[in-house]
C-alpha atoms as a PDB file:
ATOM      1  CA  UNK A   1      -0.029  -0.018   0.088  1.00  0.00           C
ATOM      2  CA  UNK A   2       1.423   3.346  -1.049  1.00  0.00           C
ATOM      3  CA  UNK A   3       0.364   6.532   0.825  1.00  0.00           C
ATOM      4  CA  UNK A   4       1.459  10.092   0.141  1.00  0.00           C
ATOM      5  CA  UNK A   5       0.787  13.581   1.185  1.00  0.00           C
ATOM      6  CA  UNK A   6       1.339  16.869  -0.735  1.00  0.00           C
ATOM      7  CA  UNK A   7       0.579  20.469   0.068  1.00  0.00           C
ATOM      8  CA  UNK A   8      -0.328  21.640  -3.472  1.00  0.00           C
ATOM      9  CA  UNK A   9      -0.848  25.238  -2.606  1.00  0.00           C
ATOM     10  CA  UNK A  10      -3.759  25.544  -5.040  1.00  0.00           C
ATOM     11  CA  UNK A  11      -5.175  22.608  -6.716  1.00  0.00           C
ATOM     12  CA  UNK A  12      -6.635  24.795  -9.510  1.00  0.00           C
ATOM     13  CA  UNK A  13      -3.005  26.004 -10.290  1.00  0.00           C
ATOM     14  CA  UNK A  14      -1.342  22.595  -9.785  1.00  0.00           C
ATOM     15  CA  UNK A  15      -3.956  20.216 -11.051  1.00  0.00           C
ATOM     16  CA  UNK A  16      -1.943  19.191 -14.187  1.00  0.00           C
ATOM     17  CA  UNK A  17       1.123  18.385 -11.794  1.00  0.00           C
ATOM     18  CA  UNK A  18      -1.157  16.403  -9.481  1.00  0.00           C
ATOM     19  CA  UNK A  19      -2.517  14.198 -12.321  1.00  0.00           C
ATOM     20  CA  UNK A  20       0.989  13.708 -13.860  1.00  0.00           C
ATOM     21  CA  UNK A  21       2.261  12.637 -10.293  1.00  0.00           C
ATOM     22  CA  UNK A  22      -0.652  10.358  -9.702  1.00  0.00           C
ATOM     23  CA  UNK A  23      -0.017   8.625 -13.072  1.00  0.00           C
ATOM     24  CA  UNK A  24       3.991   8.425 -12.351  1.00  0.00           C
ATOM     25  CA  UNK A  25       3.668   7.222  -8.803  1.00  0.00           C
ATOM     26  CA  UNK A  26       0.299   5.363  -8.469  1.00  0.00           C
ATOM     27  CA  UNK A  27      -0.426   5.895  -4.760  1.00  0.00           C
ATOM     28  CA  UNK A  28      -3.222   4.110  -3.159  1.00  0.00           C
ATOM     29  CA  UNK A  29      -4.174   7.186  -1.106  1.00  0.00           C
ATOM     30  CA  UNK A  30      -2.916  10.809  -1.855  1.00  0.00           C
ATOM     31  CA  UNK A  31      -3.687  13.456   0.799  1.00  0.00           C
ATOM     32  CA  UNK A  32      -3.711  17.057  -0.367  1.00  0.00           C
ATOM     33  CA  UNK A  33      -3.676  20.265   1.523  1.00  0.00           C
ATOM     34  CA  UNK A  34      -4.234  23.803   0.688  1.00  0.00           C
ATOM     35  CA  UNK A  35      -6.398  22.867  -2.320  1.00  0.00           C
ATOM     36  CA  UNK A  36      -7.999  26.498  -1.938  1.00  0.00           C
ATOM     37  CA  UNK A  37     -11.116  25.450  -3.629  1.00  0.00           C
ATOM     38  CA  UNK A  38     -14.784  25.727  -2.916  1.00  0.00           C
ATOM     39  CA  UNK A  39     -16.428  22.292  -3.091  1.00  0.00           C
ATOM     40  CA  UNK A  40     -18.385  23.164  -6.196  1.00  0.00           C
ATOM     41  CA  UNK A  41     -15.162  23.931  -8.065  1.00  0.00           C
ATOM     42  CA  UNK A  42     -13.358  20.614  -7.098  1.00  0.00           C
ATOM     43  CA  UNK A  43     -11.928  19.175 -10.302  1.00  0.00           C
ATOM     44  CA  UNK A  44     -14.010  15.842  -9.747  1.00  0.00           C
ATOM     45  CA  UNK A  45     -14.190  14.749 -13.441  1.00  0.00           C
ATOM     46  CA  UNK A  46     -10.386  15.107 -13.949  1.00  0.00           C
ATOM     47  CA  UNK A  47      -9.627  13.235 -10.739  1.00  0.00           C
ATOM     48  CA  UNK A  48     -12.077  10.405 -11.596  1.00  0.00           C
ATOM     49  CA  UNK A  49     -10.713  10.053 -15.095  1.00  0.00           C
ATOM     50  CA  UNK A  50      -7.300   9.626 -13.540  1.00  0.00           C
ATOM     51  CA  UNK A  51      -8.882   6.527 -11.622  1.00  0.00           C
ATOM     52  CA  UNK A  52      -9.244   7.855  -8.189  1.00  0.00           C
ATOM     53  CA  UNK A  53     -12.297   8.690  -5.870  1.00  0.00           C
ATOM     54  CA  UNK A  54     -12.162  11.987  -4.148  1.00  0.00           C
ATOM     55  CA  UNK A  55     -13.289  13.134  -0.892  1.00  0.00           C
ATOM     56  CA  UNK A  56     -12.969  16.830  -0.360  1.00  0.00           C
ATOM     57  CA  UNK A  57     -13.682  19.822   1.901  1.00  0.00           C
ATOM     58  CA  UNK A  58     -12.771  23.098   0.830  1.00  0.00           C
ATOM     59  CA  UNK A  59     -13.202  26.738   0.967  1.00  0.00           C
ATOM     60  CA  UNK A  60     -12.414  29.814  -1.149  1.00  0.00           C
ATOM     61  CA  UNK A  61      -8.975  31.205  -1.245  1.00  0.00           C
ATOM     62  CA  UNK A  62      -7.430  29.355   1.719  1.00  0.00           C
ATOM     63  CA  UNK A  63      -7.075  26.012   3.332  1.00  0.00           C
ATOM     64  CA  UNK A  64      -8.837  22.957   1.919  1.00  0.00           C
ATOM     65  CA  UNK A  65      -7.952  19.324   2.306  1.00  0.00           C
ATOM     66  CA  UNK A  66      -8.779  16.167   0.070  1.00  0.00           C
ATOM     67  CA  UNK A  67      -8.321  12.413  -0.043  1.00  0.00           C
ATOM     68  CA  UNK A  68      -7.834  10.864  -3.376  1.00  0.00           C
ATOM     69  CA  UNK A  69      -8.010   6.941  -3.218  1.00  0.00           C
ATOM     70  CA  UNK A  70      -8.055   4.189  -5.670  1.00  0.00           C
ATOM     71  CA  UNK A  71     -10.710   2.695  -3.585  1.00  0.00           C
ATOM     72  CA  UNK A  72     -13.623   4.722  -1.981  1.00  0.00           C
ATOM     73  CA  UNK A  73     -13.136   5.884   1.451  1.00  0.00           C
ATOM     74  CA  UNK A  74     -15.607   4.743   4.177  1.00  0.00           C
ATOM     75  CA  UNK A  75     -16.268   6.292   7.634  1.00  0.00           C
ATOM     76  CA  UNK A  76     -15.677   9.760   6.564  1.00  0.00           C
ATOM     77  CA  UNK A  77     -15.010  12.391   9.202  1.00  0.00           C
ATOM     78  CA  UNK A  78     -14.777  16.125   8.287  1.00  0.00           C
ATOM     79  CA  UNK A  79     -13.052  18.386  10.618  1.00  0.00           C
ATOM     80  CA  UNK A  80     -12.455  17.552  14.377  1.00  0.00           C
ATOM     81  CA  UNK A  81     -15.524  16.477  16.305  1.00  0.00           C
ATOM     82  CA  UNK A  82     -15.834  18.747  19.264  1.00  0.00           C
ATOM     83  CA  UNK A  83     -13.562  21.687  17.778  1.00  0.00           C
ATOM     84  CA  UNK A  84     -15.704  24.140  16.338  1.00  0.00           C
ATOM     85  CA  UNK A  85     -13.576  25.551  13.337  1.00  0.00           C
ATOM     86  CA  UNK A  86     -14.803  26.920  10.126  1.00  0.00           C
ATOM     87  CA  UNK A  87     -11.349  26.453   8.541  1.00  0.00           C
ATOM     88  CA  UNK A  88     -11.267  23.228   6.197  1.00  0.00           C
ATOM     89  CA  UNK A  89      -8.196  21.434   7.761  1.00  0.00           C
ATOM     90  CA  UNK A  90      -8.966  17.824   8.596  1.00  0.00           C
ATOM     91  CA  UNK A  91     -10.409  14.995   6.634  1.00  0.00           C
ATOM     92  CA  UNK A  92     -10.430  11.418   7.458  1.00  0.00           C
ATOM     93  CA  UNK A  93     -11.591   8.154   5.992  1.00  0.00           C
ATOM     94  CA  UNK A  94     -10.785   4.552   6.303  1.00  0.00           C
ATOM     95  CA  UNK A  95      -9.188   2.641   3.347  1.00  0.00           C
ATOM     96  CA  UNK A  96      -9.023  -1.110   3.891  1.00  0.00           C
ATOM     97  CA  UNK A  97      -8.578  -1.430   7.575  1.00  0.00           C
ATOM     98  CA  UNK A  98      -6.349   1.872   7.969  1.00  0.00           C
ATOM     99  CA  UNK A  99      -7.830   5.017   9.044  1.00  0.00           C
ATOM    100  CA  UNK A 100      -6.099   7.843   7.006  1.00  0.00           C
ATOM    101  CA  UNK A 101      -6.130  11.470   8.453  1.00  0.00           C
ATOM    102  CA  UNK A 102      -5.236  14.306   6.097  1.00  0.00           C
ATOM    103  CA  UNK A 103      -4.235  17.313   8.127  1.00  0.00           C
ATOM    104  CA  UNK A 104      -3.364  20.937   7.423  1.00  0.00           C
ATOM    105  CA  UNK A 105      -2.170  22.354  10.677  1.00  0.00           C
ATOM    106  CA  UNK A 106      -2.291  25.956  11.075  1.00  0.00           C
ATOM    107  CA  UNK A 107       0.746  27.958  10.145  1.00  0.00           C
ATOM    108  CA  UNK A 108       0.625  30.300  13.088  1.00  0.00           C
ATOM    109  CA  UNK A 109       2.037  33.462  11.505  1.00  0.00           C
ATOM    110  CA  UNK A 110       4.309  34.431  14.150  1.00  0.00           C
ATOM    111  CA  UNK A 111       4.493  33.756  17.884  1.00  0.00           C
ATOM    112  CA  UNK A 112       3.140  37.072  19.042  1.00  0.00           C
ATOM    113  CA  UNK A 113      -0.055  36.618  17.024  1.00  0.00           C
ATOM    114  CA  UNK A 114      -3.436  35.425  17.856  1.00  0.00           C
ATOM    115  CA  UNK A 115      -2.940  32.850  15.017  1.00  0.00           C
ATOM    116  CA  UNK A 116      -0.090  31.180  16.910  1.00  0.00           C
ATOM    117  CA  UNK A 117      -2.305  30.777  20.041  1.00  0.00           C
ATOM    118  CA  UNK A 118      -5.027  29.326  17.650  1.00  0.00           C
ATOM    119  CA  UNK A 119      -2.458  26.835  16.305  1.00  0.00           C
ATOM    120  CA  UNK A 120      -1.578  25.689  19.818  1.00  0.00           C
ATOM    121  CA  UNK A 121      -5.309  25.312  20.719  1.00  0.00           C
ATOM    122  CA  UNK A 122      -5.683  23.493  17.401  1.00  0.00           C
ATOM    123  CA  UNK A 123      -2.838  21.122  18.203  1.00  0.00           C
ATOM    124  CA  UNK A 124      -4.361  20.327  21.592  1.00  0.00           C
ATOM    125  CA  UNK A 125      -7.619  19.335  20.159  1.00  0.00           C
ATOM    126  CA  UNK A 126      -5.906  17.390  17.386  1.00  0.00           C
ATOM    127  CA  UNK A 127      -4.078  15.344  20.000  1.00  0.00           C
ATOM    128  CA  UNK A 128      -7.048  14.599  22.011  1.00  0.00           C
ATOM    129  CA  UNK A 129      -8.952  13.587  18.984  1.00  0.00           C
ATOM    130  CA  UNK A 130      -6.128  11.336  17.504  1.00  0.00           C
ATOM    131  CA  UNK A 131      -5.788   9.585  20.825  1.00  0.00           C
ATOM    132  CA  UNK A 132      -9.433   8.668  20.617  1.00  0.00           C
ATOM    133  CA  UNK A 133      -8.890   7.341  17.070  1.00  0.00           C
ATOM    134  CA  UNK A 134      -6.026   5.107  18.169  1.00  0.00           C
ATOM    135  CA  UNK A 135      -8.270   3.781  20.797  1.00  0.00           C
ATOM    136  CA  UNK A 136     -11.005   3.225  18.341  1.00  0.00           C
ATOM    137  CA  UNK A 137      -9.340   1.905  15.152  1.00  0.00           C
ATOM    138  CA  UNK A 138      -5.664   0.909  15.944  1.00  0.00           C
ATOM    139  CA  UNK A 139      -4.228   1.177  12.620  1.00  0.00           C
ATOM    140  CA  UNK A 140      -3.816   4.848  11.795  1.00  0.00           C
ATOM    141  CA  UNK A 141      -1.933   6.969   9.454  1.00  0.00           C
ATOM    142  CA  UNK A 142      -1.744  10.856   9.917  1.00  0.00           C
ATOM    143  CA  UNK A 143      -0.444  12.628   6.801  1.00  0.00           C
ATOM    144  CA  UNK A 144      -0.255  16.299   5.979  1.00  0.00           C
ATOM    145  CA  UNK A 145       1.455  19.526   6.378  1.00  0.00           C
ATOM    146  CA  UNK A 146       2.135  19.824  10.213  1.00  0.00           C
ATOM    147  CA  UNK A 147       3.887  23.270   9.781  1.00  0.00           C
ATOM    148  CA  UNK A 148       6.209  22.011  12.461  1.00  0.00           C
ATOM    149  CA  UNK A 149       9.840  21.108  12.028  1.00  0.00           C
ATOM    150  CA  UNK A 150      10.338  18.546  14.782  1.00  0.00           C
ATOM    151  CA  UNK A 151      14.233  18.577  15.273  1.00  0.00           C
ATOM    152  CA  UNK A 152      17.281  20.823  14.542  1.00  0.00           C
ATOM    153  CA  UNK A 153      18.145  18.525  11.595  1.00  0.00           C
ATOM    154  CA  UNK A 154      14.783  19.258   9.912  1.00  0.00           C
ATOM    155  CA  UNK A 155      15.747  22.967   9.607  1.00  0.00           C
ATOM    156  CA  UNK A 156      18.491  24.382   7.303  1.00  0.00           C
ATOM    157  CA  UNK A 157      19.642  26.997  10.183  1.00  0.00           C
ATOM    158  CA  UNK A 158      18.343  25.889  13.512  1.00  0.00           C
ATOM    159  CA  UNK A 159      20.026  29.010  15.106  1.00  0.00           C
ATOM    160  CA  UNK A 160      18.032  31.395  12.981  1.00  0.00           C
ATOM    161  CA  UNK A 161      14.923  29.658  13.405  1.00  0.00           C
ATOM    162  CA  UNK A 162      15.046  29.042  17.017  1.00  0.00           C
ATOM    163  CA  UNK A 163      11.972  30.371  18.755  1.00  0.00           C
ATOM    164  CA  UNK A 164      10.196  31.247  15.484  1.00  0.00           C
ATOM    165  CA  UNK A 165       6.858  30.031  14.356  1.00  0.00           C
ATOM    166  CA  UNK A 166       7.275  26.435  12.740  1.00  0.00           C
ATOM    167  CA  UNK A 167      10.183  25.574  15.136  1.00  0.00           C
ATOM    168  CA  UNK A 168       9.161  27.140  18.388  1.00  0.00           C
ATOM    169  CA  UNK A 169       9.471  24.969  21.595  1.00  0.00           C
ATOM    170  CA  UNK A 170       5.543  24.755  22.217  1.00  0.00           C
ATOM    171  CA  UNK A 171       5.066  23.481  18.470  1.00  0.00           C
ATOM    172  CA  UNK A 172       7.712  20.949  18.925  1.00  0.00           C
ATOM    173  CA  UNK A 173       6.492  19.770  22.084  1.00  0.00           C
ATOM    174  CA  UNK A 174       3.048  19.423  20.496  1.00  0.00           C
ATOM    175  CA  UNK A 175       4.658  17.217  17.763  1.00  0.00           C
ATOM    176  CA  UNK A 176       6.352  15.273  20.500  1.00  0.00           C
ATOM    177  CA  UNK A 177       3.131  14.644  22.262  1.00  0.00           C
ATOM    178  CA  UNK A 178       1.732  13.128  18.982  1.00  0.00           C
ATOM    179  CA  UNK A 179       4.637  10.703  19.118  1.00  0.00           C
ATOM    180  CA  UNK A 180       3.945  10.083  22.770  1.00  0.00           C
ATOM    181  CA  UNK A 181       0.740   8.456  21.742  1.00  0.00           C
ATOM    182  CA  UNK A 182       2.689   5.824  20.143  1.00  0.00           C
ATOM    183  CA  UNK A 183       2.880   7.218  16.556  1.00  0.00           C
ATOM    184  CA  UNK A 184       6.124   7.081  14.718  1.00  0.00           C
ATOM    185  CA  UNK A 185       7.620   9.476  12.074  1.00  0.00           C
ATOM    186  CA  UNK A 186       7.670   7.308   8.979  1.00  0.00           C
ATOM    187  CA  UNK A 187      10.462   9.285   7.510  1.00  0.00           C
ATOM    188  CA  UNK A 188      12.819   8.748  10.384  1.00  0.00           C
ATOM    189  CA  UNK A 189      12.204   4.982  10.385  1.00  0.00           C
ATOM    190  CA  UNK A 190      14.990   4.976   7.739  1.00  0.00           C
ATOM    191  CA  UNK A 191      18.441   6.391   7.174  1.00  0.00           C
ATOM    192  CA  UNK A 192      17.906   9.467   5.196  1.00  0.00           C
ATOM    193  CA  UNK A 193      20.108  12.054   3.326  1.00  0.00           C
ATOM    194  CA  UNK A 194      21.105  15.069   5.435  1.00  0.00           C
ATOM    195  CA  UNK A 195      19.540  18.285   4.982  1.00  0.00           C
ATOM    196  CA  UNK A 196      16.150  16.636   3.949  1.00  0.00           C
ATOM    197  CA  UNK A 197      13.488  19.093   3.698  1.00  0.00           C
ATOM    198  CA  UNK A 198       9.827  19.276   2.346  1.00  0.00           C
ATOM    199  CA  UNK A 199       9.148  23.052   2.138  1.00  0.00           C
ATOM    200  CA  UNK A 200      11.291  25.875   0.709  1.00  0.00           C
ATOM    201  CA  UNK A 201      10.246  29.397   0.381  1.00  0.00           C
ATOM    202  CA  UNK A 202       9.670  30.895  -3.117  1.00  0.00           C
ATOM    203  CA  UNK A 203      11.952  33.699  -2.159  1.00  0.00           C
ATOM    204  CA  UNK A 204      15.760  33.959  -1.829  1.00  0.00           C
ATOM    205  CA  UNK A 205      16.301  31.091  -4.259  1.00  0.00           C
ATOM    206  CA  UNK A 206      15.585  28.958  -1.312  1.00  0.00           C
ATOM    207  CA  UNK A 207      15.166  25.559  -3.033  1.00  0.00           C
ATOM    208  CA  UNK A 208      18.273  26.094  -5.225  1.00  0.00           C
ATOM    209  CA  UNK A 209      20.145  26.762  -2.003  1.00  0.00           C
ATOM    210  CA  UNK A 210      18.255  23.909  -0.259  1.00  0.00           C
ATOM    211  CA  UNK A 211      17.196  26.437   2.630  1.00  0.00           C
ATOM    212  CA  UNK A 212      14.119  24.350   3.653  1.00  0.00           C
ATOM    213  CA  UNK A 213      12.319  22.941   6.543  1.00  0.00           C
ATOM    214  CA  UNK A 214      10.882  19.393   6.896  1.00  0.00           C
ATOM    215  CA  UNK A 215       7.271  20.197   8.021  1.00  0.00           C
ATOM    216  CA  UNK A 216       5.286  17.667   6.041  1.00  0.00           C
ATOM    217  CA  UNK A 217       5.095  14.292   7.691  1.00  0.00           C
ATOM    218  CA  UNK A 218       3.460  10.718   7.716  1.00  0.00           C
ATOM    219  CA  UNK A 219       2.987   9.510  11.187  1.00  0.00           C
ATOM    220  CA  UNK A 220       2.013   5.811  11.564  1.00  0.00           C
ATOM    221  CA  UNK A 221       0.626   3.860  14.465  1.00  0.00           C
ATOM    222  CA  UNK A 222       3.024   1.241  15.934  1.00  0.00           C
ATOM    223  CA  UNK A 223       1.565  -1.655  13.913  1.00  0.00           C
ATOM    224  CA  UNK A 224       1.886   0.256  10.679  1.00  0.00           C
ATOM    225  CA  UNK A 225       5.273   1.428  11.372  1.00  0.00           C
ATOM    226  CA  UNK A 226       6.385  -2.181  11.576  1.00  0.00           C
ATOM    227  CA  UNK A 227       5.105  -2.681   7.944  1.00  0.00           C
ATOM    228  CA  UNK A 228       6.665   0.379   6.454  1.00  0.00           C
ATOM    229  CA  UNK A 229       9.318  -0.521   4.125  1.00  0.00           C
ATOM    230  CA  UNK A 230      10.200   2.865   2.627  1.00  0.00           C
ATOM    231  CA  UNK A 231       9.573   6.721   3.139  1.00  0.00           C
ATOM    232  CA  UNK A 232      10.820   9.414   1.025  1.00  0.00           C
ATOM    233  CA  UNK A 233      10.641  12.917  -0.198  1.00  0.00           C
ATOM    234  CA  UNK A 234      10.010  13.629  -3.854  1.00  0.00           C
ATOM    235  CA  UNK A 235      11.956  16.731  -4.628  1.00  0.00           C
ATOM    236  CA  UNK A 236      11.428  16.348  -8.302  1.00  0.00           C
ATOM    237  CA  UNK A 237       7.941  17.770  -7.821  1.00  0.00           C
ATOM    238  CA  UNK A 238       9.453  20.959  -6.362  1.00  0.00           C
ATOM    239  CA  UNK A 239      11.538  21.456  -9.489  1.00  0.00           C
ATOM    240  CA  UNK A 240       8.669  21.784 -12.029  1.00  0.00           C
ATOM    241  CA  UNK A 241       7.543  25.109 -13.565  1.00  0.00           C
ATOM    242  CA  UNK A 242       5.268  26.925 -11.186  1.00  0.00           C
ATOM    243  CA  UNK A 243       5.615  24.374  -8.490  1.00  0.00           C
ATOM    244  CA  UNK A 244       4.071  24.195  -4.946  1.00  0.00           C
ATOM    245  CA  UNK A 245       6.567  25.364  -2.360  1.00  0.00           C
ATOM    246  CA  UNK A 246       6.233  21.883  -0.941  1.00  0.00           C
ATOM    247  CA  UNK A 247       7.234  18.629  -2.026  1.00  0.00           C
ATOM    248  CA  UNK A 248       5.266  15.274  -1.587  1.00  0.00           C
ATOM    249  CA  UNK A 249       6.238  12.741   0.912  1.00  0.00           C
ATOM    250  CA  UNK A 250       5.494   8.810   0.071  1.00  0.00           C
ATOM    251  CA  UNK A 251       5.400   5.812   2.235  1.00  0.00           C
ATOM    252  CA  UNK A 252       5.208   2.171   1.344  1.00  0.00           C
ATOM    253  CA  UNK A 253       3.433  -0.227   3.688  1.00  0.00           C
ATOM    254  CA  UNK A 254       3.860  -4.027   3.103  1.00  0.00           C
ATOM    255  CA  UNK A 255       0.233  -4.688   2.900  1.00  0.00           C
ATOM    256  CA  UNK A 256      -2.417  -4.592   0.178  1.00  0.00           C
ATOM    257  CA  UNK A 257      -4.762  -1.685   0.028  1.00  0.00           C
ATOM    258  CA  UNK A 258      -7.512  -3.958   1.212  1.00  0.00           C
ATOM    259  CA  UNK A 259      -5.663  -4.585   4.492  1.00  0.00           C
ATOM    260  CA  UNK A 260      -3.933  -8.042   3.947  1.00  0.00           C
ATOM    261  CA  UNK A 261      -0.395  -8.127   5.074  1.00  0.00           C
ATOM    262  CA  UNK A 262       2.246  -9.154   2.675  1.00  0.00           C
ATOM    263  CA  UNK A 263       5.153 -11.137   4.257  1.00  0.00           C
ATOM    264  CA  UNK A 264       8.114  -9.387   2.296  1.00  0.00           C
ATOM    265  CA  UNK A 265       7.740  -6.269   0.076  1.00  0.00           C
ATOM    266  CA  UNK A 266      10.917  -5.004  -1.738  1.00  0.00           C
ATOM    267  CA  UNK A 267      11.807  -1.299  -0.936  1.00  0.00           C
ATOM    268  CA  UNK A 268      11.034   0.874  -3.807  1.00  0.00           C
ATOM    269  CA  UNK A 269      13.623   3.511  -4.391  1.00  0.00           C
ATOM    270  CA  UNK A 270      11.810   4.937  -7.297  1.00  0.00           C
ATOM    271  CA  UNK A 271       8.726   4.668  -9.366  1.00  0.00           C
ATOM    272  CA  UNK A 272       8.224   1.287 -10.478  1.00  0.00           C
ATOM    273  CA  UNK A 273       5.398   2.099 -12.651  1.00  0.00           C
ATOM    274  CA  UNK A 274       3.278  -0.524 -10.848  1.00  0.00           C
ATOM    275  CA  UNK A 275      -0.378   0.056 -10.453  1.00  0.00           C
ATOM    276  CA  UNK A 276      -1.441  -0.714  -6.983  1.00  0.00           C
ATOM    277  CA  UNK A 277      -5.003  -1.141  -5.729  1.00  0.00           C
ATOM    278  CA  UNK A 278      -7.209  -0.489  -8.849  1.00  0.00           C
ATOM    279  CA  UNK A 279     -10.527   0.569  -7.804  1.00  0.00           C
ATOM    280  CA  UNK A 280     -13.983   0.338  -9.287  1.00  0.00           C
ATOM    281  CA  UNK A 281     -15.379   3.300 -11.223  1.00  0.00           C
ATOM    282  CA  UNK A 282     -14.442   6.325  -9.269  1.00  0.00           C
ATOM    283  CA  UNK A 283     -16.830   9.019  -7.893  1.00  0.00           C
ATOM    284  CA  UNK A 284     -16.745  12.080  -5.748  1.00  0.00           C
ATOM    285  CA  UNK A 285     -17.745  12.377  -2.219  1.00  0.00           C
ATOM    286  CA  UNK A 286     -18.226  15.782  -0.869  1.00  0.00           C
ATOM    287  CA  UNK A 287     -17.442  15.982   2.899  1.00  0.00           C
END
């Protein structure tokens, strides 16, 4: 089972790139953030033609999340129950026997702002909700733009970023509390190249100079972490013309999309061209 996350920073602008990426990498589930589209403008026909079912929750100009799956998702949850928030940031569904959560964590703007306090409140609510999901469903994968760099090695210049939004101690502690629930950082399950990042500012030639942060993550419950055979950042998507400022992150799980474990699955270091988990005729599900 191949799962992936990508903050596309406008699905309207990046739709051709998303379709090409789906064709090239064949994920079973792709989580999108910052779709920035109202639901009636979601490109359902194009996604369906690509062979994917879509579940989406969007709003004009800002935020917006979507789940694209080869199989239709079930048990859809939009938003965090009990946390009243008009911003479209969370979407969840079950694929096979895995509950997948697509999350776009608030940015926080700067640490003196109300948006930063909102981010911390949001993270507290997210922690409580995820703890309940783990109790209820066991196999859980959280994918998305967390807007948090967990460690110094996840920041190109830790000294310059110390105490700044995305790398402040309260944010990092909140990320650590998610791991404290028993979740594991899929990317750090494997030896990775130094200076591995998922986001680079459009300014200052940041991508060319690799001045980035690793803020997009795949967190796996313990049983899924044991089945994870690979996790990687696809920097090629960031090199495209008019790219998102984020790169996709992919993980391979040694199980079929329907939930049956495979004893041994070779680690994939690149695109194999394999189609995994073809679904029936796709359709859209508005959340």
